[in-house]
Full PDB file with SEQRES, HELIX, SHEET, SSBOND, CRYST1, ORIGX, SCALE, CONECT and MASTER records, all heavy atoms in Angstrom:
SEQRES   1 A   32  GLY LYS LYS LYS LYS PRO THR LYS PRO ARG ARG LYS THR          
SEQRES   2 A   32  LYS ASP GLN LEU VAL THR ALA THR ALA VAL LEU GLY GLY          
SEQRES   3 A   32  GLY ALA PRO LEU SER PRO                                      
HELIX    1 AA1 ALA A   28  LEU A   30  5                                   3    
CRYST1    1.000    1.000    1.000  90.00  90.00  90.00 P 1           1          
ORIGX1      1.000000  0.000000  0.000000        0.00000                         
ORIGX2      0.000000  1.000000  0.000000        0.00000                         
ORIGX3      0.000000  0.000000  1.000000        0.00000                         
SCALE1      1.000000  0.000000  0.000000        0.00000                         
SCALE2      0.000000  1.000000  0.000000        0.00000                         
SCALE3      0.000000  0.000000  1.000000        0.00000                         
ATOM      1  N   GLY A   1      27.693  39.930  21.748  1.00  0.00           N  
ATOM      2  CA  GLY A   1      26.335  39.472  21.490  1.00  0.00           C  
ATOM      3  C   GLY A   1      26.172  37.991  21.779  1.00  0.00           C  
ATOM      4  O   GLY A   1      27.137  37.242  21.858  1.00  0.00           O  
ATOM      5  N   LYS A   2      24.957  37.656  21.950  1.00  0.00           N  
ATOM      6  CA  LYS A   2      24.631  36.261  22.196  1.00  0.00           C  
ATOM      7  C   LYS A   2      24.788  35.454  20.916  1.00  0.00           C  
ATOM      8  O   LYS A   2      24.362  35.877  19.854  1.00  0.00           O  
ATOM      9  CB  LYS A   2      23.185  36.176  22.647  1.00  0.00           C  
ATOM     10  CG  LYS A   2      23.007  35.554  23.962  1.00  0.00           C  
ATOM     11  CD  LYS A   2      21.505  35.496  24.229  1.00  0.00           C  
ATOM     12  CE  LYS A   2      21.310  34.961  25.613  1.00  0.00           C  
ATOM     13  NZ  LYS A   2      19.920  34.832  25.928  1.00  0.00           N  
ATOM     14  N   LYS A   3      25.400  34.300  21.010  1.00  0.00           N  
ATOM     15  CA  LYS A   3      25.530  33.422  19.844  1.00  0.00           C  
ATOM     16  C   LYS A   3      24.233  32.669  19.630  1.00  0.00           C  
ATOM     17  O   LYS A   3      23.611  32.208  20.582  1.00  0.00           O  
ATOM     18  CB  LYS A   3      26.659  32.418  20.047  1.00  0.00           C  
ATOM     19  CG  LYS A   3      28.002  32.962  19.775  1.00  0.00           C  
ATOM     20  CD  LYS A   3      28.984  31.819  19.746  1.00  0.00           C  
ATOM     21  CE  LYS A   3      30.312  32.321  19.266  1.00  0.00           C  
ATOM     22  NZ  LYS A   3      31.295  31.273  19.207  1.00  0.00           N  
ATOM     23  N   LYS A   4      23.866  32.599  18.358  1.00  0.00           N  
ATOM     24  CA  LYS A   4      22.651  31.849  18.040  1.00  0.00           C  
ATOM     25  C   LYS A   4      22.954  30.365  18.075  1.00  0.00           C  
ATOM     26  O   LYS A   4      24.019  29.919  17.647  1.00  0.00           O  
ATOM     27  CB  LYS A   4      22.128  32.221  16.649  1.00  0.00           C  
ATOM     28  CG  LYS A   4      21.393  33.498  16.621  1.00  0.00           C  
ATOM     29  CD  LYS A   4      20.711  33.635  15.282  1.00  0.00           C  
ATOM     30  CE  LYS A   4      19.859  34.873  15.288  1.00  0.00           C  
ATOM     31  NZ  LYS A   4      19.171  35.032  14.032  1.00  0.00           N  
ATOM     32  N   LYS A   5      22.014  29.672  18.597  1.00  0.00           N  
ATOM     33  CA  LYS A   5      22.127  28.228  18.654  1.00  0.00           C  
ATOM     34  C   LYS A   5      21.926  27.665  17.240  1.00  0.00           C  
ATOM     35  O   LYS A   5      20.997  28.060  16.544  1.00  0.00           O  
ATOM     36  CB  LYS A   5      21.032  27.714  19.583  1.00  0.00           C  
ATOM     37  CG  LYS A   5      21.222  26.326  20.059  1.00  0.00           C  
ATOM     38  CD  LYS A   5      20.109  26.040  21.058  1.00  0.00           C  
ATOM     39  CE  LYS A   5      20.297  24.675  21.644  1.00  0.00           C  
ATOM     40  NZ  LYS A   5      19.219  24.361  22.572  1.00  0.00           N  
ATOM     41  N   PRO A   6      22.811  26.783  16.796  1.00  0.00           N  
ATOM     42  CA  PRO A   6      22.623  26.219  15.449  1.00  0.00           C  
ATOM     43  C   PRO A   6      21.304  25.448  15.370  1.00  0.00           C  
ATOM     44  O   PRO A   6      20.949  24.721  16.278  1.00  0.00           O  
ATOM     45  CB  PRO A   6      23.809  25.290  15.251  1.00  0.00           C  
ATOM     46  CG  PRO A   6      24.508  25.183  16.553  1.00  0.00           C  
ATOM     47  CD  PRO A   6      23.950  26.213  17.485  1.00  0.00           C  
ATOM     48  N   THR A   7      20.614  25.671  14.259  1.00  0.00           N  
ATOM     49  CA  THR A   7      19.339  24.981  14.083  1.00  0.00           C  
ATOM     50  C   THR A   7      19.561  23.661  13.373  1.00  0.00           C  
ATOM     51  O   THR A   7      20.440  23.526  12.516  1.00  0.00           O  
ATOM     52  CB  THR A   7      18.361  25.833  13.263  1.00  0.00           C  
ATOM     53  OG1 THR A   7      18.955  26.109  12.006  1.00  0.00           O  
ATOM     54  CG2 THR A   7      18.032  27.120  13.982  1.00  0.00           C  
ATOM     55  N   LYS A   8      18.761  22.722  13.759  1.00  0.00           N  
ATOM     56  CA  LYS A   8      18.840  21.416  13.102  1.00  0.00           C  
ATOM     57  C   LYS A   8      18.108  21.496  11.766  1.00  0.00           C  
ATOM     58  O   LYS A   8      17.091  22.178  11.665  1.00  0.00           O  
ATOM     59  CB  LYS A   8      18.174  20.344  13.969  1.00  0.00           C  
ATOM     60  CG  LYS A   8      18.924  20.045  15.229  1.00  0.00           C  
ATOM     61  CD  LYS A   8      18.211  18.949  15.980  1.00  0.00           C  
ATOM     62  CE  LYS A   8      18.929  18.680  17.286  1.00  0.00           C  
ATOM     63  NZ  LYS A   8      18.228  17.684  18.083  1.00  0.00           N  
ATOM     64  N   PRO A   9      18.617  20.805  10.762  1.00  0.00           N  
ATOM     65  CA  PRO A   9      17.890  20.807   9.488  1.00  0.00           C  
ATOM     66  C   PRO A   9      16.520  20.166   9.671  1.00  0.00           C  
ATOM     67  O   PRO A   9      16.375  19.198  10.404  1.00  0.00           O  
ATOM     68  CB  PRO A   9      18.771  19.982   8.555  1.00  0.00           C  
ATOM     69  CG  PRO A   9      19.802  19.338   9.390  1.00  0.00           C  
ATOM     70  CD  PRO A   9      19.813  20.005  10.731  1.00  0.00           C  
ATOM     71  N   ARG A  10      15.536  20.749   9.023  1.00  0.00           N  
ATOM     72  CA  ARG A  10      14.180  20.223   9.123  1.00  0.00           C  
ATOM     73  C   ARG A  10      14.066  18.938   8.301  1.00  0.00           C  
ATOM     74  O   ARG A  10      14.513  18.877   7.171  1.00  0.00           O  
ATOM     75  CB  ARG A  10      13.185  21.239   8.597  1.00  0.00           C  
ATOM     76  CG  ARG A  10      13.122  22.467   9.442  1.00  0.00           C  
ATOM     77  CD  ARG A  10      12.223  23.460   8.801  1.00  0.00           C  
ATOM     78  NE  ARG A  10      10.952  23.449   9.494  1.00  0.00           N  
ATOM     79  CZ  ARG A  10       9.885  24.095   9.071  1.00  0.00           C  
ATOM     80  NH1 ARG A  10       9.920  24.768   7.957  1.00  0.00           N  
ATOM     81  NH2 ARG A  10       8.777  24.056   9.754  1.00  0.00           N  
ATOM     82  N   ARG A  11      13.477  17.983   8.880  1.00  0.00           N  
ATOM     83  CA  ARG A  11      13.227  16.736   8.162  1.00  0.00           C  
ATOM     84  C   ARG A  11      11.848  16.804   7.539  1.00  0.00           C  
ATOM     85  O   ARG A  11      10.908  17.304   8.155  1.00  0.00           O  
ATOM     86  CB  ARG A  11      13.307  15.544   9.099  1.00  0.00           C  
ATOM     87  CG  ARG A  11      14.696  15.324   9.570  1.00  0.00           C  
ATOM     88  CD  ARG A  11      14.797  13.991  10.212  1.00  0.00           C  
ATOM     89  NE  ARG A  11      16.208  13.772  10.527  1.00  0.00           N  
ATOM     90  CZ  ARG A  11      16.655  12.694  11.062  1.00  0.00           C  
ATOM     91  NH1 ARG A  11      15.835  11.729  11.377  1.00  0.00           N  
ATOM     92  NH2 ARG A  11      17.930  12.556  11.310  1.00  0.00           N  
ATOM     93  N   LYS A  12      11.750  16.299   6.361  1.00  0.00           N  
ATOM     94  CA  LYS A  12      10.461  16.294   5.680  1.00  0.00           C  
ATOM     95  C   LYS A  12       9.615  15.146   6.226  1.00  0.00           C  
ATOM     96  O   LYS A  12      10.107  14.044   6.409  1.00  0.00           O  
ATOM     97  CB  LYS A  12      10.651  16.118   4.179  1.00  0.00           C  
ATOM     98  CG  LYS A  12      11.307  17.300   3.547  1.00  0.00           C  
ATOM     99  CD  LYS A  12      11.424  17.110   2.071  1.00  0.00           C  
ATOM    100  CE  LYS A  12      12.116  18.335   1.496  1.00  0.00           C  
ATOM    101  NZ  LYS A  12      12.283  18.234   0.079  1.00  0.00           N  
ATOM    102  N   THR A  13       8.381  15.459   6.439  1.00  0.00           N  
ATOM    103  CA  THR A  13       7.478  14.402   6.871  1.00  0.00           C  
ATOM    104  C   THR A  13       7.038  13.608   5.651  1.00  0.00           C  
ATOM    105  O   THR A  13       7.192  14.052   4.507  1.00  0.00           O  
ATOM    106  CB  THR A  13       6.233  14.995   7.577  1.00  0.00           C  
ATOM    107  OG1 THR A  13       5.496  15.750   6.628  1.00  0.00           O  
ATOM    108  CG2 THR A  13       6.625  15.834   8.769  1.00  0.00           C  
ATOM    109  N   LYS A  14       6.489  12.471   5.920  1.00  0.00           N  
ATOM    110  CA  LYS A  14       6.080  11.586   4.834  1.00  0.00           C  
ATOM    111  C   LYS A  14       4.998  12.219   3.951  1.00  0.00           C  
ATOM    112  O   LYS A  14       4.905  11.940   2.770  1.00  0.00           O  
ATOM    113  CB  LYS A  14       5.585  10.279   5.425  1.00  0.00           C  
ATOM    114  CG  LYS A  14       5.443   9.172   4.430  1.00  0.00           C  
ATOM    115  CD  LYS A  14       5.100   7.884   5.135  1.00  0.00           C  
ATOM    116  CE  LYS A  14       5.115   6.744   4.136  1.00  0.00           C  
ATOM    117  NZ  LYS A  14       4.869   5.470   4.756  1.00  0.00           N  
ATOM    118  N   ASP A  15       4.185  13.093   4.545  1.00  0.00           N  
ATOM    119  CA  ASP A  15       3.070  13.692   3.815  1.00  0.00           C  
ATOM    120  C   ASP A  15       3.444  14.948   3.033  1.00  0.00           C  
ATOM    121  O   ASP A  15       2.624  15.459   2.287  1.00  0.00           O  
ATOM    122  CB  ASP A  15       1.932  14.026   4.779  1.00  0.00           C  
ATOM    123  CG  ASP A  15       1.367  12.774   5.422  1.00  0.00           C  
ATOM    124  OD1 ASP A  15       1.409  11.718   4.755  1.00  0.00           O  
ATOM    125  OD2 ASP A  15       0.915  12.846   6.566  1.00  0.00           O  
ATOM    126  N   GLN A  16       4.650  15.467   3.224  1.00  0.00           N  
ATOM    127  CA  GLN A  16       5.025  16.686   2.513  1.00  0.00           C  
ATOM    128  C   GLN A  16       5.256  16.387   1.032  1.00  0.00           C  
ATOM    129  O   GLN A  16       5.795  15.350   0.672  1.00  0.00           O  
ATOM    130  CB  GLN A  16       6.297  17.304   3.098  1.00  0.00           C  
ATOM    131  CG  GLN A  16       6.051  18.062   4.376  1.00  0.00           C  
ATOM    132  CD  GLN A  16       7.328  18.683   4.889  1.00  0.00           C  
ATOM    133  OE1 GLN A  16       8.363  18.032   4.950  1.00  0.00           O  
ATOM    134  NE2 GLN A  16       7.246  19.953   5.244  1.00  0.00           N  
ATOM    135  N   LEU A  17       4.848  17.314   0.195  1.00  0.00           N  
ATOM    136  CA  LEU A  17       4.970  17.160  -1.246  1.00  0.00           C  
ATOM    137  C   LEU A  17       6.365  17.550  -1.711  1.00  0.00           C  
ATOM    138  O   LEU A  17       6.877  18.610  -1.345  1.00  0.00           O  
ATOM    139  CB  LEU A  17       3.935  18.044  -1.953  1.00  0.00           C  
ATOM    140  CG  LEU A  17       3.959  18.036  -3.464  1.00  0.00           C  
ATOM    141  CD1 LEU A  17       3.562  16.655  -3.979  1.00  0.00           C  
ATOM    142  CD2 LEU A  17       3.024  19.078  -4.019  1.00  0.00           C  
ATOM    143  N   VAL A  18       6.978  16.702  -2.450  1.00  0.00           N  
ATOM    144  CA  VAL A  18       8.269  17.000  -3.060  1.00  0.00           C  
ATOM    145  C   VAL A  18       8.008  17.317  -4.520  1.00  0.00           C  
ATOM    146  O   VAL A  18       7.365  16.549  -5.227  1.00  0.00           O  
ATOM    147  CB  VAL A  18       9.236  15.800  -2.938  1.00  0.00           C  
ATOM    148  CG1 VAL A  18      10.535  16.066  -3.649  1.00  0.00           C  
ATOM    149  CG2 VAL A  18       9.475  15.471  -1.481  1.00  0.00           C  
ATOM    150  N   THR A  19       8.482  18.448  -4.983  1.00  0.00           N  
ATOM    151  CA  THR A  19       8.266  18.841  -6.365  1.00  0.00           C  
ATOM    152  C   THR A  19       9.405  18.312  -7.219  1.00  0.00           C  
ATOM    153  O   THR A  19      10.575  18.553  -6.933  1.00  0.00           O  
ATOM    154  CB  THR A  19       8.184  20.372  -6.502  1.00  0.00           C  
ATOM    155  OG1 THR A  19       7.120  20.832  -5.688  1.00  0.00           O  
ATOM    156  CG2 THR A  19       7.938  20.768  -7.939  1.00  0.00           C  
ATOM    157  N   ALA A  20       9.037  17.588  -8.262  1.00  0.00           N  
ATOM    158  CA  ALA A  20      10.011  17.077  -9.216  1.00  0.00           C  
ATOM    159  C   ALA A  20       9.604  17.567 -10.597  1.00  0.00           C  
ATOM    160  O   ALA A  20       8.452  17.434 -10.994  1.00  0.00           O  
ATOM    161  CB  ALA A  20      10.048  15.563  -9.180  1.00  0.00           C  
ATOM    162  N   THR A  21      10.545  18.149 -11.311  1.00  0.00           N  
ATOM    163  CA  THR A  21      10.263  18.731 -12.615  1.00  0.00           C  
ATOM    164  C   THR A  21      11.031  17.975 -13.693  1.00  0.00           C  
ATOM    165  O   THR A  21      12.215  17.705 -13.546  1.00  0.00           O  
ATOM    166  CB  THR A  21      10.679  20.217 -12.640  1.00  0.00           C  
ATOM    167  OG1 THR A  21       9.977  20.896 -11.600  1.00  0.00           O  
ATOM    168  CG2 THR A  21      10.349  20.849 -13.969  1.00  0.00           C  
ATOM    169  N   ALA A  22      10.338  17.653 -14.772  1.00  0.00           N  
ATOM    170  CA  ALA A  22      10.974  17.023 -15.932  1.00  0.00           C  
ATOM    171  C   ALA A  22      11.057  18.065 -17.042  1.00  0.00           C  
ATOM    172  O   ALA A  22      10.084  18.757 -17.326  1.00  0.00           O  
ATOM    173  CB  ALA A  22      10.169  15.824 -16.402  1.00  0.00           C  
ATOM    174  N   VAL A  23      12.225  18.167 -17.662  1.00  0.00           N  
ATOM    175  CA  VAL A  23      12.433  19.076 -18.786  1.00  0.00           C  
ATOM    176  C   VAL A  23      12.804  18.208 -19.984  1.00  0.00           C  
ATOM    177  O   VAL A  23      13.847  17.553 -19.978  1.00  0.00           O  
ATOM    178  CB  VAL A  23      13.539  20.110 -18.493  1.00  0.00           C  
ATOM    179  CG1 VAL A  23      13.733  21.022 -19.691  1.00  0.00           C  
ATOM    180  CG2 VAL A  23      13.208  20.907 -17.251  1.00  0.00           C  
ATOM    181  N   LEU A  24      11.924  18.180 -20.986  1.00  0.00           N  
ATOM    182  CA  LEU A  24      12.128  17.348 -22.170  1.00  0.00           C  
ATOM    183  C   LEU A  24      12.252  18.247 -23.386  1.00  0.00           C  
ATOM    184  O   LEU A  24      11.334  18.992 -23.704  1.00  0.00           O  
ATOM    185  CB  LEU A  24      10.965  16.371 -22.346  1.00  0.00           C  
ATOM    186  CG  LEU A  24      10.680  15.467 -21.145  1.00  0.00           C  
ATOM    187  CD1 LEU A  24       9.420  14.665 -21.390  1.00  0.00           C  
ATOM    188  CD2 LEU A  24      11.853  14.560 -20.876  1.00  0.00           C  
ATOM    189  N   GLY A  25      13.367  18.160 -24.079  1.00  0.00           N  
ATOM    190  CA  GLY A  25      13.632  19.028 -25.214  1.00  0.00           C  
ATOM    191  C   GLY A  25      13.101  18.483 -26.521  1.00  0.00           C  
ATOM    192  O   GLY A  25      12.520  17.407 -26.587  1.00  0.00           O  
ATOM    193  N   GLY A  26      13.329  19.252 -27.569  1.00  0.00           N  
ATOM    194  CA  GLY A  26      12.889  18.870 -28.896  1.00  0.00           C  
ATOM    195  C   GLY A  26      13.893  17.949 -29.556  1.00  0.00           C  
ATOM    196  O   GLY A  26      14.969  17.683 -29.038  1.00  0.00           O  
ATOM    197  N   GLY A  27      13.522  17.455 -30.698  1.00  0.00           N  
ATOM    198  CA  GLY A  27      14.412  16.600 -31.481  1.00  0.00           C  
ATOM    199  C   GLY A  27      13.902  15.183 -31.513  1.00  0.00           C  
ATOM    200  O   GLY A  27      14.053  14.440 -30.540  1.00  0.00           O  
ATOM    201  N   ALA A  28      13.279  14.806 -32.608  1.00  0.00           N  
ATOM    202  CA  ALA A  28      12.706  13.463 -32.746  1.00  0.00           C  
ATOM    203  C   ALA A  28      13.732  12.346 -32.545  1.00  0.00           C  
ATOM    204  O   ALA A  28      13.403  11.326 -31.952  1.00  0.00           O  
ATOM    205  CB  ALA A  28      12.014  13.325 -34.096  1.00  0.00           C  
ATOM    206  N   PRO A  29      14.991  12.498 -33.013  1.00  0.00           N  
ATOM    207  CA  PRO A  29      15.943  11.412 -32.788  1.00  0.00           C  
ATOM    208  C   PRO A  29      16.214  11.134 -31.309  1.00  0.00           C  
ATOM    209  O   PRO A  29      16.652  10.053 -30.955  1.00  0.00           O  
ATOM    210  CB  PRO A  29      17.215  11.896 -33.487  1.00  0.00           C  
ATOM    211  CG  PRO A  29      16.733  12.845 -34.526  1.00  0.00           C  
ATOM    212  CD  PRO A  29      15.532  13.518 -33.912  1.00  0.00           C  
ATOM    213  N   LEU A  30      15.935  12.101 -30.436  1.00  0.00           N  
ATOM    214  CA  LEU A  30      16.165  11.899 -29.005  1.00  0.00           C  
ATOM    215  C   LEU A  30      14.965  11.299 -28.289  1.00  0.00           C  
ATOM    216  O   LEU A  30      15.067  10.918 -27.123  1.00  0.00           O  
ATOM    217  CB  LEU A  30      16.532  13.227 -28.343  1.00  0.00           C  
ATOM    218  CG  LEU A  30      17.803  13.894 -28.855  1.00  0.00           C  
ATOM    219  CD1 LEU A  30      18.000  15.237 -28.172  1.00  0.00           C  
ATOM    220  CD2 LEU A  30      19.003  12.996 -28.627  1.00  0.00           C  
ATOM    221  N   SER A  31      13.834  11.199 -28.951  1.00  0.00           N  
ATOM    222  CA  SER A  31      12.632  10.712 -28.280  1.00  0.00           C  
ATOM    223  C   SER A  31      12.759   9.284 -27.742  1.00  0.00           C  
ATOM    224  O   SER A  31      12.238   9.013 -26.662  1.00  0.00           O  
ATOM    225  CB  SER A  31      11.398  10.875 -29.160  1.00  0.00           C  
ATOM    226  OG  SER A  31      11.525  10.168 -30.348  1.00  0.00           O  
ATOM    227  N   PRO A  32      13.448   8.348 -28.417  1.00  0.00           N  
ATOM    228  CA  PRO A  32      13.608   7.032 -27.791  1.00  0.00           C  
ATOM    229  C   PRO A  32      14.395   7.092 -26.479  1.00  0.00           C  
ATOM    230  O   PRO A  32      14.088   6.370 -25.542  1.00  0.00           O  
ATOM    231  CB  PRO A  32      14.371   6.214 -28.846  1.00  0.00           C  
ATOM    232  CG  PRO A  32      14.056   6.874 -30.131  1.00  0.00           C  
ATOM    233  CD  PRO A  32      13.932   8.330 -29.812  1.00  0.00           C  
TER     234      PRO A  32                                                      
MASTER        0    0    0    1    0    0    0    6  233    1    0    3          
END                                                                             
């Protein structure tokens, strides 16, 4: 069979949205 040509990793453009998630747990002593 024909070998597939390796694909280059896609670069993100400046306008693409990057999702960032913050997970903050309970516990008042940890709030500071």
